[in-house]
């Protein structure tokens, strides 16, 4: 039996495209995905706008245990890496 595809890039980066998730479920899905990360793993988050309120919630919830790094900031596409420390 073959291993299931985990949709992970070779450097332990898991893509997460929030644009395909209904807005009322987004924050819960993001928190769940971050909770599932192991130390050293990254969720590469894509969104159609800069999620400033979400980032504030993440800092309150995770503190220094999750690093936040913008990878791309363009109108219509924001890409942020969230790395579990």
C-alpha atoms as a PDB file:
ATOM      1  CA  UNK A   1       0.000   0.000   0.000  1.00  0.00           C
ATOM      2  CA  UNK A   2       1.423   3.392  -0.913  1.00  0.00           C
ATOM      3  CA  UNK A   3       1.790   6.340   1.434  1.00  0.00           C
ATOM      4  CA  UNK A   4      -0.896   9.053   1.058  1.00  0.00           C
ATOM      5  CA  UNK A   5       0.260  12.323  -0.471  1.00  0.00           C
ATOM      6  CA  UNK A   6       0.636  14.846   2.337  1.00  0.00           C
ATOM      7  CA  UNK A   7       0.824  17.890   0.034  1.00  0.00           C
ATOM      8  CA  UNK A   8       4.091  18.963   1.589  1.00  0.00           C
ATOM      9  CA  UNK A   9       6.995  20.651  -0.149  1.00  0.00           C
ATOM     10  CA  UNK A  10      10.417  19.050   0.373  1.00  0.00           C
ATOM     11  CA  UNK A  11      11.426  21.562   3.052  1.00  0.00           C
ATOM     12  CA  UNK A  12       8.454  20.718   5.348  1.00  0.00           C
ATOM     13  CA  UNK A  13       6.260  23.534   4.053  1.00  0.00           C
ATOM     14  CA  UNK A  14       2.534  22.827   3.883  1.00  0.00           C
ATOM     15  CA  UNK A  15       0.535  25.064   1.512  1.00  0.00           C
ATOM     16  CA  UNK A  16      -2.699  26.525   2.900  1.00  0.00           C
ATOM     17  CA  UNK A  17      -4.823  28.590   0.492  1.00  0.00           C
ATOM     18  CA  UNK A  18      -7.422  30.428   2.569  1.00  0.00           C
ATOM     19  CA  UNK A  19      -9.125  31.796  -0.545  1.00  0.00           C
ATOM     20  CA  UNK A  20     -10.917  28.471  -1.049  1.00  0.00           C
ATOM     21  CA  UNK A  21     -12.364  28.367   2.469  1.00  0.00           C
ATOM     22  CA  UNK A  22     -15.635  30.062   3.384  1.00  0.00           C
ATOM     23  CA  UNK A  23     -14.882  33.220   5.376  1.00  0.00           C
ATOM     24  CA  UNK A  24     -16.835  32.112   8.428  1.00  0.00           C
ATOM     25  CA  UNK A  25     -14.652  28.966   8.728  1.00  0.00           C
ATOM     26  CA  UNK A  26     -11.246  30.468   7.885  1.00  0.00           C
ATOM     27  CA  UNK A  27      -9.935  31.333  11.345  1.00  0.00           C
ATOM     28  CA  UNK A  28     -10.952  27.968  12.806  1.00  0.00           C
ATOM     29  CA  UNK A  29      -9.303  26.150   9.881  1.00  0.00           C
ATOM     30  CA  UNK A  30      -6.129  28.222  10.257  1.00  0.00           C
ATOM     31  CA  UNK A  31      -5.907  27.588  14.009  1.00  0.00           C
ATOM     32  CA  UNK A  32      -6.456  23.865  13.429  1.00  0.00           C
ATOM     33  CA  UNK A  33      -3.736  23.739  10.791  1.00  0.00           C
ATOM     34  CA  UNK A  34      -1.275  25.598  13.027  1.00  0.00           C
ATOM     35  CA  UNK A  35      -2.096  23.329  15.968  1.00  0.00           C
ATOM     36  CA  UNK A  36      -1.217  20.333  13.761  1.00  0.00           C
ATOM     37  CA  UNK A  37       2.277  21.622  12.880  1.00  0.00           C
ATOM     38  CA  UNK A  38       5.287  20.001  14.489  1.00  0.00           C
ATOM     39  CA  UNK A  39       8.345  22.087  15.476  1.00  0.00           C
ATOM     40  CA  UNK A  40      10.241  23.107  12.348  1.00  0.00           C
ATOM     41  CA  UNK A  41       7.241  22.727  10.050  1.00  0.00           C
ATOM     42  CA  UNK A  42       5.791  25.671   8.133  1.00  0.00           C
ATOM     43  CA  UNK A  43       2.333  26.484   6.865  1.00  0.00           C
ATOM     44  CA  UNK A  44       2.596  28.677   3.748  1.00  0.00           C
ATOM     45  CA  UNK A  45      -0.599  30.719   3.941  1.00  0.00           C
ATOM     46  CA  UNK A  46      -2.120  32.365   0.865  1.00  0.00           C
ATOM     47  CA  UNK A  47      -4.934  34.907   1.050  1.00  0.00           C
ATOM     48  CA  UNK A  48      -6.541  37.650  -1.025  1.00  0.00           C
ATOM     49  CA  UNK A  49      -5.954  40.367   1.597  1.00  0.00           C
ATOM     50  CA  UNK A  50      -3.536  41.188   4.408  1.00  0.00           C
ATOM     51  CA  UNK A  51      -4.996  39.448   7.491  1.00  0.00           C
ATOM     52  CA  UNK A  52      -3.939  41.948  10.184  1.00  0.00           C
ATOM     53  CA  UNK A  53      -6.693  40.967  12.696  1.00  0.00           C
ATOM     54  CA  UNK A  54      -5.791  37.292  12.246  1.00  0.00           C
ATOM     55  CA  UNK A  55      -2.093  38.024  12.837  1.00  0.00           C
ATOM     56  CA  UNK A  56      -2.967  39.785  16.087  1.00  0.00           C
ATOM     57  CA  UNK A  57      -5.012  36.752  17.180  1.00  0.00           C
ATOM     58  CA  UNK A  58      -2.128  34.423  16.301  1.00  0.00           C
ATOM     59  CA  UNK A  59       0.328  36.444  18.373  1.00  0.00           C
ATOM     60  CA  UNK A  60      -2.069  36.358  21.339  1.00  0.00           C
ATOM     61  CA  UNK A  61      -2.721  32.627  20.972  1.00  0.00           C
ATOM     62  CA  UNK A  62       0.756  31.318  20.098  1.00  0.00           C
ATOM     63  CA  UNK A  63       3.149  34.035  21.282  1.00  0.00           C
ATOM     64  CA  UNK A  64       6.716  33.249  20.242  1.00  0.00           C
ATOM     65  CA  UNK A  65       5.996  29.604  19.419  1.00  0.00           C
ATOM     66  CA  UNK A  66       5.026  30.518  15.831  1.00  0.00           C
ATOM     67  CA  UNK A  67       7.214  32.707  13.620  1.00  0.00           C
ATOM     68  CA  UNK A  68       5.405  34.903  11.090  1.00  0.00           C
ATOM     69  CA  UNK A  69       7.186  35.913   7.870  1.00  0.00           C
ATOM     70  CA  UNK A  70       5.662  37.650   4.855  1.00  0.00           C
ATOM     71  CA  UNK A  71       6.799  36.033   1.588  1.00  0.00           C
ATOM     72  CA  UNK A  72       4.704  38.093  -0.829  1.00  0.00           C
ATOM     73  CA  UNK A  73       2.598  41.243  -0.537  1.00  0.00           C
ATOM     74  CA  UNK A  74       0.767  42.119  -3.712  1.00  0.00           C
ATOM     75  CA  UNK A  75      -2.780  43.326  -4.288  1.00  0.00           C
ATOM     76  CA  UNK A  76      -4.938  40.208  -4.370  1.00  0.00           C
ATOM     77  CA  UNK A  77      -2.245  37.831  -3.096  1.00  0.00           C
ATOM     78  CA  UNK A  78      -0.626  37.800   0.321  1.00  0.00           C
ATOM     79  CA  UNK A  79       1.673  34.892   1.199  1.00  0.00           C
ATOM     80  CA  UNK A  80       2.843  34.399   4.776  1.00  0.00           C
ATOM     81  CA  UNK A  81       4.911  31.600   6.297  1.00  0.00           C
ATOM     82  CA  UNK A  82       3.884  30.466   9.766  1.00  0.00           C
ATOM     83  CA  UNK A  83       6.643  28.305  11.253  1.00  0.00           C
ATOM     84  CA  UNK A  84       6.220  26.319  14.463  1.00  0.00           C
ATOM     85  CA  UNK A  85       9.234  26.768  16.748  1.00  0.00           C
END
